[in-house]
Amino acid sequence: MRDVEVRSGGIDLGQLLKFAGLVDTGGDAKALLSEGVVKVNDVVDERRGRTLRDGDIVTVPDADPVRVVEV
């Protein structure tokens, strides 16, 4: 698992997928989310605008999980 530092106040799930390098574009994030394979804290989530907070863990297939760390 790797930590991804974000500003206090959280980050949207779609933005995190791009920021963490899990996808290349916003369109890729939308497509991945619509497949129902993105998990937040072990629960499938398809909401691109979901706000992630400190400690949330995001997993996608074929990549190491990332943990949100607010700084």
Protein backbone atom coordinates (compact mmCIF):
# COMPACT_ATOMS: atom_id res chain seq x y z
CA MET A 1 0.00 0.00 0.00
CA ARG A 2 1.24 3.47 -0.75
CA ASP A 3 0.21 6.77 0.76
CA VAL A 4 -1.00 9.63 -1.43
CA GLU A 5 -0.80 13.04 0.24
CA VAL A 6 -3.65 15.46 -0.48
CA ARG A 7 -4.62 18.83 0.92
CA SER A 8 -6.83 18.99 3.98
CA GLY A 9 -10.50 18.85 3.04
CA GLY A 10 -10.30 15.69 0.97
CA ILE A 11 -10.25 14.88 -2.73
CA ASP A 12 -12.82 13.51 -5.15
CA LEU A 13 -12.47 9.86 -6.10
CA GLY A 14 -12.07 10.63 -9.80
CA GLN A 15 -9.37 13.18 -9.04
CA LEU A 16 -7.52 10.76 -6.78
CA LEU A 17 -7.48 8.08 -9.46
CA LYS A 18 -5.71 10.54 -11.79
CA PHE A 19 -3.48 12.11 -9.11
CA ALA A 20 -2.27 8.70 -7.89
CA GLY A 21 -1.52 7.59 -11.45
CA LEU A 22 -4.11 4.81 -11.43
CA VAL A 23 -5.63 6.22 -14.65
CA ASP A 24 -4.39 8.67 -17.27
CA THR A 25 -7.47 10.83 -17.85
CA GLY A 26 -10.80 11.76 -16.35
CA GLY A 27 -12.46 9.70 -19.07
CA ASP A 28 -10.42 6.69 -18.00
CA ALA A 29 -11.51 7.27 -14.40
CA LYS A 30 -15.17 7.44 -15.45
CA ALA A 31 -14.87 4.23 -17.45
CA LEU A 32 -13.10 2.37 -14.63
CA LEU A 33 -15.70 3.50 -12.10
CA SER A 34 -18.57 2.43 -14.35
CA GLU A 35 -17.10 -1.08 -14.51
CA GLY A 36 -17.73 -1.43 -10.76
CA VAL A 37 -14.17 -2.48 -9.94
CA VAL A 38 -13.06 0.49 -7.82
CA LYS A 39 -13.32 -0.07 -4.09
CA VAL A 40 -13.18 2.47 -1.28
CA ASN A 41 -12.57 0.87 2.10
CA ASP A 42 -13.41 -2.55 0.60
CA VAL A 43 -16.80 -1.39 -0.77
CA VAL A 44 -17.41 -0.94 -4.52
CA ASP A 45 -18.00 2.73 -5.34
CA GLU A 46 -18.94 4.16 -8.73
CA ARG A 47 -19.28 7.82 -7.66
CA ARG A 48 -16.59 9.90 -9.34
CA GLY A 49 -17.42 12.86 -7.08
CA ARG A 50 -17.25 10.96 -3.80
CA THR A 51 -15.09 12.89 -1.35
CA LEU A 52 -12.28 10.87 0.14
CA ARG A 53 -10.90 11.73 3.55
CA ASP A 54 -7.79 10.95 5.57
CA GLY A 55 -7.34 7.20 5.95
CA ASP A 56 -9.62 6.10 3.10
CA ILE A 57 -8.14 3.25 1.07
CA VAL A 58 -8.80 2.94 -2.66
CA THR A 59 -8.17 -0.26 -4.59
CA VAL A 60 -8.34 -0.99 -8.31
CA PRO A 61 -7.44 -4.22 -10.12
CA ASP A 62 -3.78 -4.78 -10.97
CA ALA A 63 -2.48 -1.91 -8.81
CA ASP A 64 -1.31 -1.46 -5.24
CA PRO A 65 -3.94 0.05 -2.94
CA VAL A 66 -3.54 3.73 -2.11
CA ARG A 67 -4.33 5.39 1.20
CA VAL A 68 -5.40 9.04 1.40
CA VAL A 69 -3.26 11.08 3.77
CA GLU A 70 -4.37 14.67 4.38
CA VAL A 71 -1.58 17.16 5.02
